[in-house]
Amino acid sequence: MADSARLRKRKETAEPQHVDVLIVGAGISGIGTAWHLQRFCPDRSFTILEGRHAIGGTWDLFRYPGIRSDSDMYTLGYSFEPWTDAKAIADGPSILDYVNRVADKYDIRRHIRFNHHVRSASFDSERGLWTVEVQRTDSGEATRFTCDWLHMCSGYYDYREAYLPDFPGKEQYKGTFFHAQFWPEKLDFAGKRAVVIGSGATAVTIVPEMAKAGAAHVTMLQRSPTYMVSRPAVDKVANGLRRMLGDKASYGIVRWRNVLMQQAFFQLARRRPEFMKKLIRKGVMKELPPDYEVETHFNPAYNPWDQRVCLVPDADLFACIREGTVEVVTDTIDTFRKDGIKLKSGRELKADIIVAATGLKLQLLSDVEFTVDGERRAMNESMTYKGMMFSDVPNLSYSFGYTNASWTLKADLTSGYLCRLLNHMREQNVQVAVPRREADVKEVPFLDFSSGYVQRALKILPKQGDRSPWKLYQNYALDMAALKLGKVDDGVMQFSRTVAAAPPRSLTKEVA
């Protein structure tokens, strides 16, 4: 035990490993950022720290039945690597395979340090350096990195904890109960009655998959309805273009077509919500029996895109409803019982398995504690700059995708801008870049979204401003203009040289 403690102490006090850019997270954003650095900043060293044992983030963590994208892969895929599978709405294993293939094709995996969980990060303005404290999740050992720039690609939710309401009487239930985020391995639900609590993207995926895989009956229990839109999983036009034009040319065309269609759908919903309500309702009614209670189960009280619209590929949920293997119940829970759930209406739902698809717990920058020159920085007190940096926090950026479109669209733009910024700093011989908050910018919430998981997290999220570059537009075309074509030295970003010398060159080499 004493030898072990001495070994740990030596590791803790060892010289930190230095790289130019440190990326936190080896999910879809982190791998994309690594590609951009290799392509546009080939003279920078970088390392990716991943707290888990594998690449993929969400797509490796979630294991519930039917896990899939709720965006098409022509926009969820990387701009630089065409999606070539037949299905545009892809399953989780296919997406994970795609991310791994990209990592291997571009030799990114060698830069990843698995089982490295970042605990804290401290910036020294005199040296222009972040010192990052890391704990090994496999051994518990502590280690340390320094970097000139820190880029957070840790996603937007807590991997270790999900949102689970305090259901009355939960302890009475004798069946199998769990949150969808932590789906049990080898769960056998064939021939069993299941209740899935929730009506968001996770529930809409799980419910038909359980029914198709042999569950005796599946009930989707929702407190309130969600907007749902059907779309073919296979994009025949995209596949036809690929045969005629090849992977790369067709991918660019389809990607832009889908971006424009997404934006048109979103803008129409914002400007003419009543029309969009009728359009979505008409689509649902087309898929369900004539006497189905659409008004009760598929008519939300809010406007489209006040919350995310759920995608139903190939109308599979509606097909299961027609077949009678799935039932939608709109009610609230009174109490759990030993054999199921009693509702406020008095109805009882018998269940062998109850799945809580009740949402995520948002966590913007993992659980990292940040300090600048010894002063703790709470990011919820900051204002986001171009949707990728924080006011008055130097040499720190983060990746956060769209709420109304594919995550990767914004992640790609963010990575590209980061490379532009780093190259500008080298050209100008400056080491520190910090967006300084303007006094007259009005604060507004980070996300204009009424979803429960967003509203519960507003207090931990930064603010956005009422004008550029502090405003989140949720618009790919506008963000492209700002991040790909806009000025880096915009008068808001302030640049400076460090007082102290940079670390010894021997330490800046990539750690093997």
Protein backbone atom coordinates (compact mmCIF):
# COMPACT_ATOMS: atom_id res chain seq x y z
CA MET A 1 0.00 0.00 0.00
CA ALA A 2 2.85 2.38 0.87
CA ASP A 3 4.59 1.62 -2.45
CA SER A 4 1.38 2.30 -4.31
CA ALA A 5 0.94 5.65 -2.54
CA ARG A 6 4.53 6.66 -3.33
CA LEU A 7 4.04 5.73 -6.99
CA ARG A 8 0.88 7.81 -7.17
CA LYS A 9 2.61 10.74 -5.51
CA ARG A 10 5.44 10.60 -8.08
CA LYS A 11 2.93 10.62 -10.91
CA GLU A 12 1.07 13.55 -9.40
CA THR A 13 4.22 15.65 -9.09
CA ALA A 14 5.75 14.64 -12.44
CA GLU A 15 6.36 17.21 -15.15
CA PRO A 16 3.09 17.83 -17.00
CA GLN A 17 2.73 16.71 -20.59
CA HIS A 18 2.39 19.69 -22.93
CA VAL A 19 0.51 19.98 -26.24
CA ASP A 20 -0.56 22.98 -28.26
CA VAL A 21 -4.25 22.03 -28.20
CA LEU A 22 -5.98 19.76 -25.72
CA ILE A 23 -9.36 18.36 -26.78
CA VAL A 24 -11.67 16.95 -24.11
CA GLY A 25 -13.94 14.22 -25.45
CA ALA A 26 -13.59 11.65 -28.23
CA GLY A 27 -17.18 11.72 -29.43
CA ILE A 28 -18.38 12.97 -32.79
CA SER A 29 -17.26 16.57 -32.01
CA GLY A 30 -13.82 15.66 -30.69
CA ILE A 31 -12.95 13.46 -33.67
CA GLY A 32 -14.14 16.20 -36.02
CA THR A 33 -12.00 18.81 -34.26
CA ALA A 34 -8.96 16.54 -34.52
CA TRP A 35 -9.45 16.24 -38.28
CA HIS A 36 -9.67 20.02 -38.65
CA LEU A 37 -6.48 20.54 -36.65
CA GLN A 38 -4.60 18.02 -38.78
CA ARG A 39 -5.90 19.59 -41.97
CA PHE A 40 -5.66 23.31 -41.21
CA CYS A 41 -3.14 23.51 -38.33
CA PRO A 42 -0.66 20.77 -39.20
CA ASP A 43 2.10 22.41 -37.14
CA ARG A 44 0.10 22.13 -33.89
CA SER A 45 0.39 19.17 -31.55
CA PHE A 46 -2.82 17.95 -29.95
CA THR A 47 -4.15 15.27 -27.65
CA ILE A 48 -7.71 14.08 -27.01
CA LEU A 49 -8.62 13.16 -23.43
CA GLU A 50 -11.53 10.73 -23.21
CA GLY A 51 -12.99 9.76 -19.84
CA ARG A 52 -14.43 6.51 -21.11
CA HIS A 53 -12.72 3.51 -22.70
CA ALA A 54 -13.95 4.01 -26.25
CA ILE A 55 -14.57 6.45 -29.08
CA GLY A 56 -18.07 7.65 -29.86
CA GLY A 57 -19.53 9.39 -26.82
CA THR A 58 -23.31 9.17 -27.00
CA TRP A 59 -23.22 6.54 -29.73
CA ASP A 60 -21.14 4.20 -27.60
CA LEU A 61 -22.83 4.94 -24.27
CA PHE A 62 -26.50 4.51 -25.18
CA ARG A 63 -27.52 0.89 -25.69
CA TYR A 64 -31.33 0.97 -25.70
CA PRO A 65 -33.21 -0.89 -28.47
CA GLY A 66 -33.27 0.85 -31.83
CA ILE A 67 -31.00 3.75 -30.84
CA ARG A 68 -30.68 5.91 -33.92
CA SER A 69 -30.18 9.43 -35.14
CA ASP A 70 -33.07 11.84 -35.05
CA SER A 71 -31.39 13.79 -37.87
CA ASP A 72 -30.38 12.63 -41.31
CA MET A 73 -26.80 11.42 -41.66
CA TYR A 74 -26.09 13.77 -44.56
CA THR A 75 -26.10 16.59 -42.01
CA LEU A 76 -25.14 14.61 -38.88
CA GLY A 77 -22.15 13.21 -40.75
CA TYR A 78 -18.93 15.18 -41.13
CA SER A 79 -18.59 17.73 -43.92
CA PHE A 80 -15.29 16.12 -44.95
CA GLU A 81 -16.33 12.44 -44.92
CA PRO A 82 -19.37 11.37 -46.98
CA TRP A 83 -22.00 9.16 -45.44
CA THR A 84 -22.34 6.22 -47.85
CA ASP A 85 -24.78 3.84 -46.14
CA ALA A 86 -28.16 3.35 -47.79
CA LYS A 87 -30.11 4.58 -44.75
CA ALA A 88 -30.19 8.32 -44.13
CA ILE A 89 -31.76 7.78 -40.69
CA ALA A 90 -29.15 5.48 -39.25
CA ASP A 91 -29.00 3.19 -36.24
CA GLY A 92 -26.57 3.81 -33.41
CA PRO A 93 -24.11 0.98 -34.24
CA SER A 94 -23.80 2.27 -37.82
CA ILE A 95 -23.08 5.80 -36.58
CA LEU A 96 -20.53 4.49 -34.09
CA ASP A 97 -18.86 2.51 -36.87
CA TYR A 98 -18.74 5.66 -39.01
CA VAL A 99 -17.04 7.70 -36.26
CA ASN A 100 -14.52 4.91 -35.64
CA ARG A 101 -13.80 4.59 -39.37
CA VAL A 102 -13.10 8.32 -39.57
CA ALA A 103 -10.77 8.13 -36.56
CA ASP A 104 -8.83 5.26 -38.15
CA LYS A 105 -8.84 6.61 -41.71
CA TYR A 106 -7.25 9.87 -40.59
CA ASP A 107 -4.97 8.31 -37.95
CA ILE A 108 -6.65 10.15 -35.09
CA ARG A 109 -6.87 7.26 -32.64
CA ARG A 110 -3.16 7.52 -31.73
CA HIS A 111 -3.83 10.99 -30.28
CA ILE A 112 -6.49 9.72 -27.85
CA ARG A 113 -5.83 9.03 -24.17
CA PHE A 114 -8.67 6.80 -23.00
CA ASN A 115 -9.83 6.61 -19.37
CA HIS A 116 -8.61 10.18 -18.76
CA HIS A 117 -11.26 12.19 -16.92
CA VAL A 118 -10.59 15.92 -16.62
CA ARG A 119 -11.22 17.22 -13.10
CA SER A 120 -10.08 20.85 -13.30
CA ALA A 121 -8.41 23.38 -15.57
CA SER A 122 -6.50 26.48 -14.49
CA PHE A 123 -5.29 29.27 -16.79
CA ASP A 124 -2.16 31.32 -16.13
CA SER A 125 -2.30 34.60 -18.07
CA GLU A 126 1.41 35.35 -17.63
CA ARG A 127 2.39 32.07 -19.26
CA GLY A 128 -0.63 31.80 -21.54
CA LEU A 129 -1.15 28.20 -20.43
CA TRP A 130 -3.90 25.94 -19.18
CA THR A 131 -2.92 23.39 -16.56
CA VAL A 132 -5.35 20.49 -16.68
CA GLU A 133 -5.71 18.03 -13.80
CA VAL A 134 -6.74 14.56 -14.91
CA GLN A 135 -7.74 11.39 -13.10
CA ARG A 136 -7.38 7.95 -14.66
CA THR A 137 -10.77 6.21 -14.51
CA ASP A 138 -9.15 2.78 -14.78
CA SER A 139 -6.49 3.15 -12.07
CA GLY A 140 -7.40 6.25 -10.07
CA GLU A 141 -3.97 7.74 -10.78
CA ALA A 142 -3.63 11.50 -11.17
CA THR A 143 -1.79 13.12 -14.05
CA ARG A 144 -1.43 16.59 -15.49
CA PHE A 145 -1.35 18.25 -18.90
CA THR A 146 -0.58 21.77 -20.02
CA CYS A 147 -1.79 23.31 -23.25
CA ASP A 148 -1.93 26.62 -25.06
CA TRP A 149 -5.58 26.09 -26.01
CA LEU A 150 -8.32 24.00 -24.38
CA HIS A 151 -11.27 22.83 -26.49
CA MET A 152 -14.20 21.13 -24.76
CA CYS A 153 -16.06 18.44 -26.75
CA SER A 154 -17.70 16.78 -23.77
CA GLY A 155 -21.28 16.94 -25.06
CA TYR A 156 -24.19 18.48 -23.24
CA TYR A 157 -25.44 15.96 -20.72
CA ASP A 158 -24.28 14.03 -17.69
CA TYR A 159 -23.14 10.51 -18.60
CA ARG A 160 -23.38 9.31 -15.01
CA GLU A 161 -26.79 10.64 -14.03
CA ALA A 162 -30.08 11.03 -15.92
CA TYR A 163 -33.22 12.96 -15.05
CA LEU A 164 -35.52 10.74 -13.06
CA PRO A 165 -38.60 12.24 -11.36
CA ASP A 166 -39.43 11.12 -7.84
CA PHE A 167 -42.35 8.86 -8.74
CA PRO A 168 -44.68 8.20 -5.77
CA GLY A 169 -44.64 4.59 -4.60
CA LYS A 170 -41.68 3.62 -6.76
CA GLU A 171 -40.31 1.40 -3.99
CA GLN A 172 -43.51 -0.72 -4.10
CA TYR A 173 -42.99 -1.85 -7.68
CA LYS A 174 -41.79 -5.47 -7.93
CA GLY A 175 -41.00 -5.57 -11.63
CA THR A 176 -37.99 -4.31 -13.58
CA PHE A 177 -37.55 -0.53 -13.48
CA PHE A 178 -34.71 1.59 -14.92
CA HIS A 179 -33.88 4.75 -16.86
CA ALA A 180 -33.35 4.33 -20.60
CA GLN A 181 -29.90 5.92 -20.37
CA PHE A 182 -28.75 2.86 -18.40
CA TRP A 183 -30.39 0.03 -20.34
CA PRO A 184 -29.54 -3.34 -18.72
CA GLU A 185 -27.46 -5.77 -20.75
CA LYS A 186 -29.32 -8.82 -22.06
CA LEU A 187 -32.71 -7.57 -20.89
CA ASP A 188 -35.32 -10.11 -21.98
CA PHE A 189 -38.65 -8.40 -22.70
CA ALA A 190 -40.10 -10.98 -25.11
CA GLY A 191 -43.71 -11.76 -24.18
CA LYS A 192 -43.74 -9.14 -21.43
CA ARG A 193 -45.86 -6.06 -20.81
CA ALA A 194 -43.87 -2.84 -20.85
CA VAL A 195 -44.63 0.78 -19.98
CA VAL A 196 -42.31 3.46 -21.34
CA ILE A 197 -42.71 6.79 -19.51
CA GLY A 198 -42.09 9.72 -21.82
CA SER A 199 -42.79 10.84 -25.39
CA GLY A 200 -39.52 12.40 -26.52
CA ALA A 201 -36.99 11.08 -29.03
CA THR A 202 -35.85 8.23 -26.76
CA ALA A 203 -39.36 6.94 -26.06
CA VAL A 204 -40.38 7.26 -29.71
CA THR A 205 -37.41 5.04 -30.59
CA ILE A 206 -37.75 2.45 -27.82
CA VAL A 207 -41.51 1.85 -27.97
CA PRO A 208 -41.82 0.48 -31.53
CA GLU A 209 -38.55 -1.45 -31.22
CA MET A 210 -39.75 -3.28 -28.12
CA ALA A 211 -43.01 -4.09 -29.86
CA LYS A 212 -41.28 -5.35 -33.02
CA ALA A 213 -38.84 -7.42 -30.91
CA GLY A 214 -41.60 -9.44 -29.26
CA ALA A 215 -42.94 -7.58 -26.23
CA ALA A 216 -46.52 -8.69 -25.53
CA HIS A 217 -47.70 -5.08 -25.32
CA VAL A 218 -46.01 -1.69 -24.99
CA THR A 219 -47.63 1.43 -23.54
CA MET A 220 -46.14 4.86 -24.15
CA LEU A 221 -47.26 6.84 -21.13
CA GLN A 222 -47.02 10.57 -21.71
CA ARG A 223 -47.94 13.50 -19.53
CA SER A 224 -48.38 15.65 -22.64
CA PRO A 225 -48.08 15.01 -26.41
CA THR A 226 -45.09 15.67 -28.65
CA TYR A 227 -45.00 16.76 -32.29
CA MET A 228 -44.02 13.82 -34.50
CA VAL A 229 -43.11 13.77 -38.17
CA SER A 230 -42.67 10.65 -40.32
CA ARG A 231 -39.84 10.36 -42.81
CA PRO A 232 -38.45 7.46 -44.86
CA ALA A 233 -35.28 5.99 -43.36
CA VAL A 234 -33.88 5.51 -46.87
CA ASP A 235 -33.34 8.62 -49.00
CA LYS A 236 -33.89 7.29 -52.53
CA VAL A 237 -32.91 10.59 -54.16
CA ALA A 238 -29.61 10.69 -52.25
CA ASN A 239 -28.80 7.09 -53.15
CA GLY A 240 -29.62 7.77 -56.80
CA LEU A 241 -27.37 10.83 -56.88
CA ARG A 242 -24.55 8.83 -55.32
CA ARG A 243 -24.76 6.23 -58.08
CA MET A 244 -24.65 8.96 -60.75
CA LEU A 245 -22.18 11.46 -59.26
CA GLY A 246 -20.12 9.48 -56.79
CA ASP A 247 -19.88 9.76 -53.00
CA LYS A 248 -18.24 13.17 -52.58
CA ALA A 249 -20.20 15.24 -55.12
CA SER A 250 -23.58 13.78 -54.21
CA TYR A 251 -22.90 14.16 -50.49
CA GLY A 252 -22.36 17.91 -50.79
CA ILE A 253 -25.54 18.37 -52.82
CA VAL A 254 -27.73 16.31 -50.49
CA ARG A 255 -26.19 17.91 -47.41
CA TRP A 256 -27.10 21.40 -48.59
CA ARG A 257 -30.54 20.28 -49.76
CA ASN A 258 -31.27 18.89 -46.30
CA VAL A 259 -29.87 21.96 -44.53
CA LEU A 260 -32.13 24.23 -46.55
CA MET A 261 -35.15 21.97 -46.00
CA GLN A 262 -34.50 21.91 -42.23
CA GLN A 263 -34.25 25.67 -42.10
CA ALA A 264 -37.35 26.16 -44.23
CA PHE A 265 -39.32 23.82 -41.96
CA PHE A 266 -38.07 25.61 -38.84
CA GLN A 267 -38.73 29.13 -40.16
CA LEU A 268 -42.22 28.16 -41.32
CA ALA A 269 -42.94 26.78 -37.86
CA ARG A 270 -41.77 30.02 -36.24
CA ARG A 271 -43.60 32.35 -38.58
CA ARG A 272 -46.78 30.37 -39.21
CA PRO A 273 -47.19 28.02 -36.23
CA GLU A 274 -50.89 27.37 -36.81
CA PHE A 275 -50.26 26.30 -40.38
CA MET A 276 -47.43 24.02 -39.28
CA LYS A 277 -49.63 22.51 -36.55
CA LYS A 278 -52.23 21.59 -39.17
CA LEU A 279 -49.59 20.20 -41.52
CA ILE A 280 -48.05 17.96 -38.84
CA ARG A 281 -51.49 16.88 -37.59
CA LYS A 282 -52.52 15.96 -41.12
CA GLY A 283 -49.42 13.78 -41.46
CA VAL A 284 -50.20 11.97 -38.19
CA MET A 285 -53.85 11.42 -39.11
CA LYS A 286 -52.76 9.87 -42.40
CA GLU A 287 -50.88 7.16 -40.49
CA LEU A 288 -53.55 6.32 -37.91
CA PRO A 289 -57.07 4.81 -38.03
CA PRO A 290 -59.87 7.29 -38.81
CA ASP A 291 -61.36 7.07 -35.30
CA TYR A 292 -58.06 7.49 -33.44
CA GLU A 293 -57.96 10.19 -30.75
CA VAL A 294 -55.35 12.38 -32.44
CA GLU A 295 -56.46 15.48 -30.50
CA THR A 296 -55.73 13.74 -27.19
CA HIS A 297 -52.47 11.98 -27.96
CA PHE A 298 -50.80 13.97 -30.76
CA ASN A 299 -51.85 17.59 -30.30
CA PRO A 300 -49.30 19.41 -28.09
CA ALA A 301 -50.25 22.60 -26.26
CA TYR A 302 -47.11 24.40 -27.46
CA ASN A 303 -46.07 25.49 -30.96
CA PRO A 304 -43.85 23.37 -33.21
CA TRP A 305 -40.16 23.81 -32.46
CA ASP A 306 -40.81 25.35 -29.06
CA GLN A 307 -39.52 21.87 -28.30
CA ARG A 308 -37.70 19.53 -30.65
CA VAL A 309 -39.91 17.77 -33.20
CA CYS A 310 -39.56 13.98 -32.98
CA LEU A 311 -38.70 12.00 -36.08
CA VAL A 312 -40.55 8.74 -36.75
CA PRO A 313 -38.62 6.87 -39.47
CA ASP A 314 -40.82 4.86 -41.82
CA ALA A 315 -43.78 5.71 -39.54
CA ASP A 316 -42.85 2.67 -37.39
CA LEU A 317 -44.53 3.95 -34.22
CA PHE A 318 -47.79 4.59 -36.04
CA ALA A 319 -47.65 1.14 -37.68
CA CYS A 320 -47.36 -0.48 -34.23
CA ILE A 321 -50.33 1.56 -32.98
CA ARG A 322 -52.40 0.38 -35.96
CA GLU A 323 -51.39 -3.23 -35.27
CA GLY A 324 -52.41 -2.94 -31.62
CA THR A 325 -49.01 -3.85 -30.16
CA VAL A 326 -48.48 -0.27 -28.94
CA GLU A 327 -50.85 2.00 -27.04
CA VAL A 328 -50.40 5.69 -26.30
CA VAL A 329 -51.83 6.84 -22.96
CA THR A 330 -51.97 10.54 -22.08
CA ASP A 331 -52.29 10.85 -18.32
CA THR A 332 -50.30 11.57 -15.18
CA ILE A 333 -48.96 9.10 -12.64
CA ASP A 334 -50.72 8.84 -9.31
CA THR A 335 -48.53 6.13 -7.84
CA PHE A 336 -46.51 3.06 -8.65
CA ARG A 337 -47.97 -0.23 -7.47
CA LYS A 338 -46.33 -3.60 -7.06
CA ASP A 339 -47.55 -4.73 -10.48
CA GLY A 340 -47.62 -1.48 -12.45
CA ILE A 341 -48.78 2.13 -12.37
CA LYS A 342 -52.01 3.75 -11.18
CA LEU A 343 -52.91 6.92 -13.11
CA LYS A 344 -54.68 10.07 -11.91
CA SER A 345 -57.68 9.07 -14.02
CA GLY A 346 -57.99 5.88 -11.96
CA ARG A 347 -56.81 3.60 -14.74
CA GLU A 348 -54.15 1.01 -13.92
CA LEU A 349 -51.36 -0.07 -16.26
CA LYS A 350 -50.03 -3.55 -15.54
CA ALA A 351 -46.35 -3.87 -16.38
CA ASP A 352 -43.56 -6.41 -16.07
CA ILE A 353 -41.06 -3.73 -17.14
CA ILE A 354 -41.18 0.04 -16.67
CA VAL A 355 -38.71 2.22 -18.57
CA ALA A 356 -38.22 5.86 -17.63
CA ALA A 357 -37.48 7.80 -20.83
CA THR A 358 -37.80 10.99 -18.84
CA GLY A 359 -34.93 13.02 -20.21
CA LEU A 360 -31.33 13.97 -19.77
CA LYS A 361 -29.52 15.97 -17.14
CA LEU A 362 -27.73 18.77 -18.95
CA GLN A 363 -24.08 19.36 -18.20
CA LEU A 364 -22.34 21.73 -20.59
CA LEU A 365 -18.64 21.23 -19.79
CA SER A 366 -18.64 17.91 -17.98
CA ASP A 367 -17.87 18.48 -14.27
CA VAL A 368 -14.65 20.41 -14.88
CA GLU A 369 -13.83 23.22 -12.44
CA PHE A 370 -12.27 26.23 -14.23
CA THR A 371 -10.07 28.95 -12.76
CA VAL A 372 -8.35 31.92 -14.39
CA ASP A 373 -5.36 33.38 -12.51
CA GLY A 374 -6.53 31.71 -9.34
CA GLU A 375 -10.12 32.98 -9.60
CA ARG A 376 -12.85 30.39 -10.07
CA ARG A 377 -14.96 30.93 -13.20
CA ALA A 378 -18.58 29.83 -13.27
CA MET A 379 -19.62 29.62 -16.90
CA ASN A 380 -23.26 30.32 -16.08
CA GLU A 381 -22.12 33.83 -15.21
CA SER A 382 -20.55 34.27 -18.64
CA MET A 383 -21.98 35.14 -22.06
CA THR A 384 -21.35 32.86 -25.00
CA TYR A 385 -19.29 34.28 -27.86
CA LYS A 386 -20.18 32.96 -31.34
CA GLY A 387 -21.69 29.93 -29.62
CA MET A 388 -18.20 28.54 -28.93
CA MET A 389 -16.34 30.67 -26.33
CA PHE A 390 -17.11 32.43 -23.05
CA SER A 391 -16.83 36.11 -22.24
CA ASP A 392 -13.64 37.03 -20.38
CA VAL A 393 -12.31 33.45 -20.39
CA PRO A 394 -9.09 33.15 -22.43
CA ASN A 395 -7.99 30.34 -24.76
CA LEU A 396 -11.04 28.18 -24.09
CA SER A 397 -13.62 27.01 -26.63
CA TYR A 398 -16.38 24.43 -26.68
CA SER A 399 -18.53 22.53 -29.15
CA PHE A 400 -22.31 22.82 -28.90
CA GLY A 401 -24.60 21.86 -31.77
CA TYR A 402 -28.02 22.99 -32.93
CA THR A 403 -31.31 22.31 -31.20
CA ASN A 404 -33.24 22.60 -34.47
CA ALA A 405 -30.86 20.71 -36.76
CA SER A 406 -27.97 18.28 -36.71
CA TRP A 407 -25.35 18.68 -33.99
CA THR A 408 -22.42 18.18 -36.35
CA LEU A 409 -23.31 21.10 -38.60
CA LYS A 410 -22.38 23.55 -35.84
CA ALA A 411 -19.53 21.38 -34.54
CA ASP A 412 -17.88 21.46 -37.97
CA LEU A 413 -18.16 25.25 -38.17
CA THR A 414 -16.79 25.61 -34.64
CA SER A 415 -13.75 23.44 -35.43
CA GLY A 416 -13.08 25.39 -38.61
CA TYR A 417 -13.24 28.71 -36.79
CA LEU A 418 -10.95 27.43 -34.05
CA CYS A 419 -8.32 26.68 -36.70
CA ARG A 420 -8.75 30.14 -38.22
CA LEU A 421 -8.32 31.69 -34.78
CA LEU A 422 -5.21 29.65 -33.91
CA ASN A 423 -3.59 30.49 -37.26
CA HIS A 424 -4.38 34.18 -36.82
CA MET A 425 -2.75 34.12 -33.38
CA ARG A 426 0.39 32.54 -34.77
CA GLU A 427 0.57 35.04 -37.63
CA GLN A 428 0.25 37.93 -35.18
CA ASN A 429 2.63 36.37 -32.66
CA VAL A 430 0.09 36.50 -29.83
CA GLN A 431 -0.58 33.79 -27.25
CA VAL A 432 -3.84 34.84 -25.60
CA ALA A 433 -7.29 35.42 -27.11
CA VAL A 434 -10.25 36.43 -24.97
CA PRO A 435 -13.67 37.79 -25.99
CA ARG A 436 -14.40 40.81 -23.82
CA ARG A 437 -18.03 41.29 -22.90
CA GLU A 438 -19.60 44.53 -24.07
CA ALA A 439 -21.45 46.42 -21.34
CA ASP A 440 -24.49 47.32 -23.43
CA VAL A 441 -25.31 43.78 -24.63
CA LYS A 442 -28.61 42.54 -23.22
CA GLU A 443 -28.68 39.08 -21.62
CA VAL A 444 -31.15 36.47 -22.84
CA PRO A 445 -31.38 32.72 -22.02
CA PHE A 446 -28.83 30.44 -23.65
CA LEU A 447 -31.53 28.34 -25.33
CA ASP A 448 -34.98 29.47 -26.45
CA PHE A 449 -36.53 26.07 -25.86
CA SER A 450 -39.39 25.02 -23.58
CA SER A 451 -38.29 21.38 -23.23
CA GLY A 452 -38.07 20.21 -19.64
CA TYR A 453 -34.41 19.22 -19.81
CA VAL A 454 -33.52 22.72 -21.04
CA GLN A 455 -35.66 24.59 -18.53
CA ARG A 456 -34.24 22.55 -15.65
CA ALA A 457 -30.70 23.46 -16.74
CA LEU A 458 -30.98 27.18 -17.54
CA LYS A 459 -29.42 28.11 -14.22
CA ILE A 460 -26.19 26.24 -15.07
CA LEU A 461 -25.92 27.43 -18.69
CA PRO A 462 -24.23 30.63 -19.87
CA LYS A 463 -26.24 33.51 -21.27
CA GLN A 464 -26.41 34.68 -24.83
CA GLY A 465 -26.67 38.26 -26.03
CA ASP A 466 -29.21 40.10 -28.13
CA ARG A 467 -26.82 40.79 -30.98
CA SER A 468 -23.81 39.39 -32.80
CA PRO A 469 -21.30 37.99 -31.85
CA TRP A 470 -23.08 37.08 -28.62
CA LYS A 471 -26.29 35.80 -30.17
CA LEU A 472 -27.07 32.14 -30.96
CA TYR A 473 -28.86 32.18 -34.30
CA GLN A 474 -29.64 28.45 -34.63
CA ASN A 475 -29.12 29.02 -38.34
CA TYR A 476 -26.43 27.23 -40.34
CA ALA A 477 -26.21 29.82 -43.11
CA LEU A 478 -25.79 32.73 -40.67
CA ASP A 479 -23.24 30.79 -38.62
CA MET A 480 -21.31 29.89 -41.75
CA ALA A 481 -21.12 33.57 -42.66
CA ALA A 482 -19.89 34.45 -39.16
CA LEU A 483 -17.53 31.54 -38.46
CA LYS A 484 -16.20 30.67 -41.88
CA LEU A 485 -16.18 34.09 -43.55
CA GLY A 486 -16.36 36.66 -40.73
CA LYS A 487 -13.39 38.54 -39.28
CA VAL A 488 -11.39 36.86 -36.54
CA ASP A 489 -10.14 40.21 -35.24
CA ASP A 490 -13.64 41.67 -34.85
CA GLY A 491 -12.96 44.26 -32.15
CA VAL A 492 -14.56 42.08 -29.47
CA MET A 493 -11.86 39.43 -29.36
CA GLN A 494 -8.80 40.85 -27.65
CA PHE A 495 -5.33 39.46 -28.29
CA SER A 496 -2.20 39.77 -26.19
CA ARG A 497 1.31 38.43 -25.78
CA THR A 498 2.42 36.58 -22.69
CA VAL A 499 4.96 37.94 -20.24
CA ALA A 500 6.71 34.63 -19.57
CA ALA A 501 8.39 32.42 -22.12
CA ALA A 502 6.63 29.43 -23.62
CA PRO A 503 7.39 25.93 -22.28
CA PRO A 504 10.56 24.23 -23.45
CA ARG A 505 10.27 22.91 -27.00
CA SER A 506 10.98 19.38 -25.84
CA LEU A 507 7.71 19.38 -23.94
CA THR A 508 5.61 20.53 -26.90
CA LYS A 509 6.06 17.33 -28.82
CA GLU A 510 3.14 14.94 -29.03
CA VAL A 511 3.20 12.48 -26.18
CA ALA A 512 3.41 8.90 -27.46
